[in-house]
C-alpha atoms as a PDB file:
ATOM      1  CA  MET A   1      23.612  17.376 148.028  1.00  0.00           C
ATOM      2  CA  THR A   2      20.357  19.390 148.041  1.00  0.00           C
ATOM      3  CA  ILE A   3      18.329  20.661 145.048  1.00  0.00           C
ATOM      4  CA  GLU A   4      16.277  23.877 145.294  1.00  0.00           C
ATOM      5  CA  TYR A   5      13.079  23.934 143.286  1.00  0.00           C
ATOM      6  CA  SER A   6      11.206  27.226 142.789  1.00  0.00           C
ATOM      7  CA  PRO A   7       7.955  26.599 140.887  1.00  0.00           C
ATOM      8  CA  SER A   8       6.186  29.390 139.074  1.00  0.00           C
ATOM      9  CA  SER A   9       3.685  31.546 140.965  1.00  0.00           C
ATOM     10  CA  ALA A  10       0.902  30.114 138.881  1.00  0.00           C
ATOM     11  CA  SER A  11       1.431  26.620 140.333  1.00  0.00           C
ATOM     12  CA  ALA A  12       3.065  27.209 143.761  1.00  0.00           C
ATOM     13  CA  PRO A  13       4.157  30.572 145.294  1.00  0.00           C
ATOM     14  CA  LEU A  14       6.543  29.049 147.795  1.00  0.00           C
ATOM     15  CA  SER A  15      10.104  27.786 147.210  1.00  0.00           C
ATOM     16  CA  VAL A  16      10.461  24.204 148.368  1.00  0.00           C
ATOM     17  CA  ILE A  17      13.845  22.530 149.148  1.00  0.00           C
ATOM     18  CA  PHE A  18      14.202  18.786 148.522  1.00  0.00           C
ATOM     19  CA  ASP A  19      17.049  16.460 149.475  1.00  0.00           C
ATOM     20  CA  THR A  20      18.563  13.840 147.106  1.00  0.00           C
ATOM     21  CA  GLY A  21      15.779  11.438 148.103  1.00  0.00           C
ATOM     22  CA  GLY A  22      13.023  13.793 147.028  1.00  0.00           C
ATOM     23  CA  ARG A  23      11.994  14.641 150.558  1.00  0.00           C
ATOM     24  CA  ARG A  24      11.425  18.189 151.942  1.00  0.00           C
ATOM     25  CA  THR A  25      14.111  19.475 154.359  1.00  0.00           C
ATOM     26  CA  VAL A  26      13.567  21.251 157.735  1.00  0.00           C
ATOM     27  CA  ALA A  27      14.806  24.460 156.136  1.00  0.00           C
ATOM     28  CA  SER A  28      11.904  24.412 153.647  1.00  0.00           C
ATOM     29  CA  TYR A  29       9.363  23.970 156.465  1.00  0.00           C
ATOM     30  CA  GLU A  30      10.923  26.876 158.369  1.00  0.00           C
ATOM     31  CA  LEU A  31      10.831  29.107 155.282  1.00  0.00           C
ATOM     32  CA  GLU A  32       7.271  28.325 154.601  1.00  0.00           C
ATOM     33  CA  LEU A  33       6.292  28.931 158.285  1.00  0.00           C
ATOM     34  CA  LYS A  34       7.983  32.345 158.257  1.00  0.00           C
ATOM     35  CA  ARG A  35       5.944  33.291 155.157  1.00  0.00           C
ATOM     36  CA  HIS A  36       2.700  32.147 156.683  1.00  0.00           C
ATOM     37  CA  ARG A  37       3.485  34.131 159.843  1.00  0.00           C
ATOM     38  CA  ARG A  38       4.178  37.288 157.764  1.00  0.00           C
ATOM     39  CA  THR A  39       0.831  36.664 155.908  1.00  0.00           C
ATOM     40  CA  GLU A  40      -0.944  36.261 159.250  1.00  0.00           C
ATOM     41  CA  SER A  41       0.624  39.450 160.664  1.00  0.00           C
ATOM     42  CA  GLY A  42      -0.544  41.433 157.625  1.00  0.00           C
ATOM     43  CA  LEU A  43      -4.086  40.043 157.934  1.00  0.00           C
ATOM     44  CA  ARG A  44      -4.195  40.940 161.597  1.00  0.00           C
ATOM     45  CA  GLN A  45      -3.117  44.489 160.828  1.00  0.00           C
ATOM     46  CA  GLU A  46      -5.764  44.895 158.106  1.00  0.00           C
ATOM     47  CA  LEU A  47      -8.445  43.422 160.489  1.00  0.00           C
ATOM     48  CA  ALA A  48      -7.420  45.880 163.237  1.00  0.00           C
ATOM     49  CA  GLN A  49      -7.684  48.811 160.701  1.00  0.00           C
ATOM     50  CA  GLU A  50     -11.144  47.569 159.565  1.00  0.00           C
ATOM     51  CA  GLU A  51     -12.286  47.326 163.230  1.00  0.00           C
ATOM     52  CA  ALA A  52     -11.107  50.899 164.000  1.00  0.00           C
ATOM     53  CA  LEU A  53     -12.955  52.183 160.897  1.00  0.00           C
ATOM     54  CA  LEU A  54     -16.066  50.291 161.947  1.00  0.00           C
ATOM     55  CA  CYS A  55     -15.943  51.774 165.459  1.00  0.00           C
ATOM     56  CA  GLN A  56     -15.439  55.216 163.909  1.00  0.00           C
ATOM     57  CA  LYS A  57     -18.488  54.778 161.667  1.00  0.00           C
ATOM     58  CA  GLU A  58     -20.621  53.527 164.541  1.00  0.00           C
ATOM     59  CA  GLY A  59     -19.648  56.621 166.551  1.00  0.00           C
ATOM     60  CA  LEU A  60     -20.678  58.878 163.664  1.00  0.00           C
ATOM     61  CA  ILE A  61     -23.981  57.084 163.270  1.00  0.00           C
ATOM     62  CA  GLN A  62     -24.715  57.453 166.960  1.00  0.00           C
ATOM     63  CA  ARG A  63     -23.880  61.139 166.864  1.00  0.00           C
ATOM     64  CA  GLN A  64     -26.031  61.596 163.772  1.00  0.00           C
ATOM     65  CA  THR A  65     -28.887  59.835 165.524  1.00  0.00           C
ATOM     66  CA  VAL A  66     -28.671  62.131 168.492  1.00  0.00           C
ATOM     67  CA  LEU A  67     -28.504  65.141 166.304  1.00  0.00           C
ATOM     68  CA  THR A  68     -31.589  63.943 164.308  1.00  0.00           C
ATOM     69  CA  GLN A  69     -33.581  63.302 167.481  1.00  0.00           C
ATOM     70  CA  GLU A  70     -32.685  66.690 168.875  1.00  0.00           C
ATOM     71  CA  SER A  71     -33.606  68.340 165.585  1.00  0.00           C
ATOM     72  CA  ASP A  72     -36.983  66.576 165.490  1.00  0.00           C
ATOM     73  CA  HIS A  73     -37.666  67.576 169.063  1.00  0.00           C
ATOM     74  CA  ARG A  74     -36.914  71.210 168.249  1.00  0.00           C
ATOM     75  CA  LEU A  75     -39.110  71.002 165.108  1.00  0.00           C
ATOM     76  CA  LEU A  76     -42.079  69.668 167.072  1.00  0.00           C
ATOM     77  CA  ASN A  77     -41.574  72.364 169.768  1.00  0.00           C
ATOM     78  CA  GLY A  78     -41.390  74.954 167.052  1.00  0.00           C
ATOM     79  CA  LEU A  79     -44.605  73.693 165.411  1.00  0.00           C
ATOM     80  CA  GLN A  80     -46.430  73.723 168.776  1.00  0.00           C
ATOM     81  CA  MET A  81     -45.356  77.301 169.454  1.00  0.00           C
ATOM     82  CA  ILE A  82     -46.531  78.321 165.968  1.00  0.00           C
ATOM     83  CA  VAL A  83     -49.859  76.601 166.629  1.00  0.00           C
ATOM     84  CA  SER A  84     -50.237  78.446 169.901  1.00  0.00           C
ATOM     85  CA  LEU A  85     -49.411  81.830 168.363  1.00  0.00           C
ATOM     86  CA  LEU A  86     -51.818  81.289 165.425  1.00  0.00           C
ATOM     87  CA  SER A  87     -54.571  80.216 167.784  1.00  0.00           C
ATOM     88  CA  LEU A  88     -54.063  83.166 170.019  1.00  0.00           C
ATOM     89  CA  GLN A  89     -54.071  85.601 167.131  1.00  0.00           C
ATOM     90  CA  SER A  90     -57.228  84.038 165.687  1.00  0.00           C
ATOM     91  CA  ARG A  91     -59.058  84.639 168.928  1.00  0.00           C
ATOM     92  CA  THR A  92     -57.865  88.221 169.282  1.00  0.00           C
ATOM     93  CA  THR A  93     -58.391  89.481 165.746  1.00  0.00           C
ATOM     94  CA  GLU A  94     -61.556  91.349 164.990  1.00  0.00           C
ATOM     95  CA  ASN A  95     -61.698  90.325 161.354  1.00  0.00           C
ATOM     96  CA  ALA A  96     -63.847  87.148 161.139  1.00  0.00           C
ATOM     97  CA  GLU A  97     -62.314  86.008 157.782  1.00  0.00           C
ATOM     98  CA  VAL A  98     -58.729  86.492 159.080  1.00  0.00           C
ATOM     99  CA  ALA A  99     -59.603  84.704 162.343  1.00  0.00           C
ATOM    100  CA  SER A 100     -60.946  81.723 160.292  1.00  0.00           C
ATOM    101  CA  GLN A 101     -57.821  81.562 158.125  1.00  0.00           C
ATOM    102  CA  LEU A 102     -55.503  81.684 161.165  1.00  0.00           C
ATOM    103  CA  ALA A 103     -57.451  78.979 162.972  1.00  0.00           C
ATOM    104  CA  SER A 104     -57.351  76.885 159.775  1.00  0.00           C
ATOM    105  CA  ALA A 105     -53.648  77.364 159.501  1.00  0.00           C
ATOM    106  CA  ALA A 106     -53.233  76.402 163.190  1.00  0.00           C
ATOM    107  CA  ASP A 107     -55.167  73.205 162.703  1.00  0.00           C
ATOM    108  CA  ARG A 108     -53.199  72.246 159.623  1.00  0.00           C
ATOM    109  CA  ILE A 109     -49.840  72.836 161.326  1.00  0.00           C
ATOM    110  CA  ALA A 110     -50.991  70.801 164.467  1.00  0.00           C
ATOM    111  CA  THR A 111     -52.078  67.919 162.250  1.00  0.00           C
ATOM    112  CA  ILE A 112     -48.703  68.015 160.363  1.00  0.00           C
ATOM    113  CA  GLY A 113     -46.956  67.892 163.745  1.00  0.00           C
ATOM    114  CA  SER A 114     -49.085  64.922 164.787  1.00  0.00           C
ATOM    115  CA  ILE A 115     -48.275  63.074 161.525  1.00  0.00           C
ATOM    116  CA  HIS A 116     -44.603  63.957 161.879  1.00  0.00           C
ATOM    117  CA  HIS A 117     -44.530  62.576 165.435  1.00  0.00           C
ATOM    118  CA  ARG A 118     -46.285  59.365 164.401  1.00  0.00           C
ATOM    119  CA  LEU A 119     -43.974  58.845 161.491  1.00  0.00           C
ATOM    120  CA  HIS A 120     -41.062  58.640 163.906  1.00  0.00           C
ATOM    121  CA  SER A 121     -42.434  55.369 165.138  1.00  0.00           C
ATOM    122  CA  PHE A 122     -41.453  54.115 161.754  1.00  0.00           C
ATOM    123  CA  ASP A 123     -37.813  55.335 161.886  1.00  0.00           C
ATOM    124  CA  GLY A 124     -35.451  52.939 160.216  1.00  0.00           C
ATOM    125  CA  VAL A 125     -38.322  50.990 158.590  1.00  0.00           C
ATOM    126  CA  GLU A 126     -38.251  50.852 154.792  1.00  0.00           C
ATOM    127  CA  THR A 127     -41.958  49.780 154.440  1.00  0.00           C
ATOM    128  CA  PHE A 128     -44.997  49.878 156.677  1.00  0.00           C
ATOM    129  CA  ALA A 129     -48.706  49.167 156.694  1.00  0.00           C
ATOM    130  CA  ILE A 130     -50.395  52.200 155.159  1.00  0.00           C
ATOM    131  CA  LYS A 131     -53.993  51.214 156.121  1.00  0.00           C
ATOM    132  CA  GLN A 132     -53.223  51.348 159.816  1.00  0.00           C
ATOM    133  CA  PHE A 133     -51.519  54.707 159.232  1.00  0.00           C
ATOM    134  CA  LEU A 134     -54.701  56.034 157.558  1.00  0.00           C
ATOM    135  CA  ASP A 135     -56.784  54.689 160.418  1.00  0.00           C
ATOM    136  CA  ASP A 136     -54.785  56.685 162.866  1.00  0.00           C
ATOM    137  CA  ILE A 137     -55.124  59.923 160.847  1.00  0.00           C
ATOM    138  CA  CYS A 138     -58.923  59.403 160.544  1.00  0.00           C
ATOM    139  CA  ARG A 139     -59.169  58.811 164.264  1.00  0.00           C
ATOM    140  CA  ASP A 140     -57.312  62.044 164.919  1.00  0.00           C
ATOM    141  CA  PHE A 141     -59.713  63.955 162.701  1.00  0.00           C
ATOM    142  CA  SER A 142     -62.757  62.382 164.300  1.00  0.00           C
ATOM    143  CA  ILE A 143     -61.617  63.382 167.695  1.00  0.00           C
ATOM    144  CA  MET A 144     -60.893  66.922 166.523  1.00  0.00           C
ATOM    145  CA  LEU A 145     -64.401  67.121 164.965  1.00  0.00           C
ATOM    146  CA  SER A 146     -66.247  65.498 167.882  1.00  0.00           C
ATOM    147  CA  SER A 147     -66.694  68.724 169.883  1.00  0.00           C
ATOM    148  CA  GLU A 148     -67.840  71.022 167.085  1.00  0.00           C
ATOM    149  CA  TYR A 149     -69.432  68.499 164.694  1.00  0.00           C
ATOM    150  CA  PRO A 150     -70.480  65.467 166.782  1.00  0.00           C
ATOM    151  CA  LYS A 151     -72.382  63.895 163.906  1.00  0.00           C
ATOM    152  CA  ARG A 152     -69.466  63.935 161.481  1.00  0.00           C
ATOM    153  CA  THR A 153     -67.224  60.913 161.206  1.00  0.00           C
ATOM    154  CA  VAL A 154     -64.016  60.134 159.344  1.00  0.00           C
ATOM    155  CA  VAL A 155     -63.447  56.487 158.540  1.00  0.00           C
ATOM    156  CA  ALA A 156     -60.819  54.441 156.645  1.00  0.00           C
ATOM    157  CA  GLU A 157     -61.821  51.457 154.483  1.00  0.00           C
ATOM    158  CA  GLY A 158     -60.239  49.047 152.102  1.00  0.00           C
ATOM    159  CA  ILE A 159     -57.245  46.808 151.970  1.00  0.00           C
ATOM    160  CA  GLU A 160     -54.037  46.687 153.983  1.00  0.00           C
ATOM    161  CA  ILE A 161     -50.790  46.835 152.010  1.00  0.00           C
ATOM    162  CA  GLU A 162     -47.125  47.340 152.731  1.00  0.00           C
ATOM    163  CA  LEU A 163     -45.755  50.426 150.983  1.00  0.00           C
ATOM    164  CA  PRO A 164     -42.258  51.906 150.856  1.00  0.00           C
ATOM    165  CA  ALA A 165     -41.853  54.769 153.175  1.00  0.00           C
ATOM    166  CA  VAL A 166     -41.071  57.148 150.292  1.00  0.00           C
ATOM    167  CA  THR A 167     -44.564  56.451 148.967  1.00  0.00           C
ATOM    168  CA  ALA A 168     -46.539  55.953 152.214  1.00  0.00           C
ATOM    169  CA  ILE A 169     -45.468  59.194 153.803  1.00  0.00           C
ATOM    170  CA  PRO A 170     -46.556  61.516 150.971  1.00  0.00           C
ATOM    171  CA  LEU A 171     -49.803  59.536 150.826  1.00  0.00           C
ATOM    172  CA  GLY A 172     -50.295  60.288 154.493  1.00  0.00           C
ATOM    173  CA  PHE A 173     -49.927  64.037 153.850  1.00  0.00           C
ATOM    174  CA  ILE A 174     -52.210  63.792 150.769  1.00  0.00           C
ATOM    175  CA  ALA A 175     -54.935  62.091 152.840  1.00  0.00           C
ATOM    176  CA  ASN A 176     -54.530  64.720 155.581  1.00  0.00           C
ATOM    177  CA  GLU A 177     -55.102  67.618 153.104  1.00  0.00           C
ATOM    178  CA  LEU A 178     -58.038  65.883 151.300  1.00  0.00           C
ATOM    179  CA  ILE A 179     -59.714  65.262 154.683  1.00  0.00           C
ATOM    180  CA  THR A 180     -59.074  68.840 155.700  1.00  0.00           C
ATOM    181  CA  ASN A 181     -60.868  70.011 152.406  1.00  0.00           C
ATOM    182  CA  ALA A 182     -63.722  67.528 152.971  1.00  0.00           C
ATOM    183  CA  VAL A 183     -64.203  68.880 156.521  1.00  0.00           C
ATOM    184  CA  LYS A 184     -64.210  72.488 155.268  1.00  0.00           C
ATOM    185  CA  TYR A 185     -66.477  72.109 152.165  1.00  0.00           C
ATOM    186  CA  GLY A 186     -68.440  68.884 152.692  1.00  0.00           C
ATOM    187  CA  THR A 187     -70.965  67.554 155.053  1.00  0.00           C
ATOM    188  CA  GLY A 188     -71.672  64.263 156.771  1.00  0.00           C
ATOM    189  CA  ARG A 189     -69.420  61.212 156.671  1.00  0.00           C
ATOM    190  CA  ILE A 190     -65.961  61.347 155.220  1.00  0.00           C
ATOM    191  CA  THR A 191     -64.633  58.047 153.777  1.00  0.00           C
ATOM    192  CA  VAL A 192     -60.979  57.328 153.044  1.00  0.00           C
ATOM    193  CA  SER A 193     -60.581  54.297 150.874  1.00  0.00           C
ATOM    194  CA  LEU A 194     -57.552  52.245 149.820  1.00  0.00           C
ATOM    195  CA  GLU A 195     -58.317  49.881 147.025  1.00  0.00           C
ATOM    196  CA  PRO A 196     -56.572  47.932 144.253  1.00  0.00           C
ATOM    197  CA  ASN A 197     -56.755  49.666 140.772  1.00  0.00           C
ATOM    198  CA  SER A 198     -56.448  47.857 137.443  1.00  0.00           C
ATOM    199  CA  GLU A 199     -54.740  50.829 135.768  1.00  0.00           C
ATOM    200  CA  THR A 200     -51.921  51.688 138.138  1.00  0.00           C
ATOM    201  CA  GLY A 201     -51.980  49.270 140.983  1.00  0.00           C
ATOM    202  CA  TYR A 202     -53.685  51.142 143.874  1.00  0.00           C
ATOM    203  CA  ALA A 203     -56.033  53.992 144.504  1.00  0.00           C
ATOM    204  CA  LEU A 204     -56.414  56.267 147.494  1.00  0.00           C
ATOM    205  CA  SER A 205     -59.664  58.234 147.606  1.00  0.00           C
ATOM    206  CA  VAL A 206     -61.343  60.602 149.932  1.00  0.00           C
ATOM    207  CA  ALA A 207     -65.130  61.110 149.476  1.00  0.00           C
ATOM    208  CA  ASN A 208     -67.654  63.181 151.401  1.00  0.00           C
ATOM    209  CA  ASP A 209     -71.361  63.925 151.407  1.00  0.00           C
ATOM    210  CA  GLY A 210     -72.653  67.337 150.559  1.00  0.00           C
ATOM    211  CA  PRO A 211     -72.718  69.497 147.382  1.00  0.00           C
ATOM    212  CA  ALA A 212     -70.855  68.255 144.336  1.00  0.00           C
ATOM    213  CA  LEU A 213     -67.873  70.173 142.964  1.00  0.00           C
ATOM    214  CA  PRO A 214     -68.608  72.905 140.421  1.00  0.00           C
ATOM    215  CA  GLN A 215     -68.790  71.894 136.791  1.00  0.00           C
ATOM    216  CA  GLY A 216     -65.340  72.088 135.212  1.00  0.00           C
ATOM    217  CA  PHE A 217     -63.508  72.193 138.597  1.00  0.00           C
ATOM    218  CA  ASP A 218     -59.792  72.154 137.840  1.00  0.00           C
ATOM    219  CA  PRO A 219     -57.375  71.723 140.801  1.00  0.00           C
ATOM    220  CA  ALA A 220     -54.553  73.139 138.695  1.00  0.00           C
ATOM    221  CA  ASN A 221     -56.314  76.505 138.708  1.00  0.00           C
ATOM    222  CA  ARG A 222     -56.995  76.579 142.448  1.00  0.00           C
ATOM    223  CA  LYS A 223     -55.055  79.104 144.479  1.00  0.00           C
ATOM    224  CA  GLY A 224     -55.603  77.470 147.821  1.00  0.00           C
ATOM    225  CA  LEU A 225     -52.500  76.121 149.710  1.00  0.00           C
ATOM    226  CA  GLY A 226     -54.134  72.804 150.381  1.00  0.00           C
ATOM    227  CA  MET A 227     -54.687  71.906 146.749  1.00  0.00           C
ATOM    228  CA  ARG A 228     -51.142  72.953 145.832  1.00  0.00           C
ATOM    229  CA  ILE A 229     -49.724  70.704 148.648  1.00  0.00           C
ATOM    230  CA  ILE A 230     -51.858  67.783 147.288  1.00  0.00           C
ATOM    231  CA  GLN A 231     -50.621  68.208 143.702  1.00  0.00           C
ATOM    232  CA  SER A 232     -47.065  68.487 144.917  1.00  0.00           C
ATOM    233  CA  PHE A 233     -47.186  65.219 146.757  1.00  0.00           C
ATOM    234  CA  VAL A 234     -49.066  63.432 143.963  1.00  0.00           C
ATOM    235  CA  LYS A 235     -46.273  64.534 141.572  1.00  0.00           C
ATOM    236  CA  GLN A 236     -43.646  63.385 144.100  1.00  0.00           C
ATOM    237  CA  ILE A 237     -44.965  59.789 144.030  1.00  0.00           C
ATOM    238  CA  GLY A 238     -45.542  59.743 140.288  1.00  0.00           C
ATOM    239  CA  GLY A 239     -49.293  59.454 140.809  1.00  0.00           C
ATOM    240  CA  GLU A 240     -52.389  60.863 139.114  1.00  0.00           C
ATOM    241  CA  LEU A 241     -55.172  62.942 140.710  1.00  0.00           C
ATOM    242  CA  ARG A 242     -58.726  62.353 139.527  1.00  0.00           C
ATOM    243  CA  ILE A 243     -61.886  64.172 140.762  1.00  0.00           C
ATOM    244  CA  GLY A 244     -65.455  63.002 140.648  1.00  0.00           C
ATOM    245  CA  ARG A 245     -68.448  62.214 142.821  1.00  0.00           C
ATOM    246  CA  ASP A 246     -69.145  59.545 145.454  1.00  0.00           C
ATOM    247  CA  ASP A 247     -70.835  56.180 144.878  1.00  0.00           C
ATOM    248  CA  SER A 248     -74.277  57.727 145.067  1.00  0.00           C
ATOM    249  CA  ASN A 249     -73.337  60.379 142.470  1.00  0.00           C
ATOM    250  CA  GLN A 250     -73.354  62.956 145.187  1.00  0.00           C
ATOM    251  CA  GLY A 251     -70.713  64.933 147.106  1.00  0.00           C
ATOM    252  CA  ALA A 252     -67.121  64.928 145.969  1.00  0.00           C
ATOM    253  CA  ARG A 253     -64.470  62.241 145.567  1.00  0.00           C
ATOM    254  CA  PHE A 254     -60.705  62.951 145.115  1.00  0.00           C
ATOM    255  CA  THR A 255     -58.740  59.867 144.003  1.00  0.00           C
ATOM    256  CA  VAL A 256     -54.977  59.439 143.779  1.00  0.00           C
ATOM    257  CA  LEU A 257     -53.803  56.620 141.481  1.00  0.00           C
ATOM    258  CA  PHE A 258     -50.346  55.264 142.322  1.00  0.00           C
ATOM    259  CA  SER A 259     -48.232  52.175 141.770  1.00  0.00           C
END
């Protein structure tokens, strides 16, 4: 005689068959083996589905990467074309003021293209060293100024810190615009500094020699594109823009406080 014992699911999910001596029978082992095989088959099917979905996602990521690279390539080519057209127009126009504005716009777009190209070396990186990034920007400006203003230099000073890309990239554009303004309105050496700040955490400043800013200078009332760009990026990173003079109480210093 055999006795079939079916324990509750809380204690044992499988039915076990015992003989009169309390030992499991062959039938009980076969039943349990069948259930394990069904479970294994179900798990294999789920694994195959997951692998198929993973392959599909990898394919989509690869296609997106190709599209992004192509888009960036077209963007850089478009920027270069715009720079060429603006430069050509600035050389052919007879209005000196218009020529100066066109040349300035061409320089700004060329610098943006250079920064955009450099930023792609950080693709996929969540943080990167901002001081090295600023060094590169200053070197680009120094090279650009060397032919027309051989005595003017642009240098980066201060500490090296790792910043999230969402903060570092806007800071790069802010530095670019502040250096552009210093080149346009200042004289002598231009210093870009990155230092700790007790109020917010860090401070990025751009200072230049030359005349100080007018009394009561308010960037919010400036109509120039450069200052609007600066204020937009400062707002984007939740920072604060302060304006003063350099360490010798001369020239101008623009400081961005950020965390």
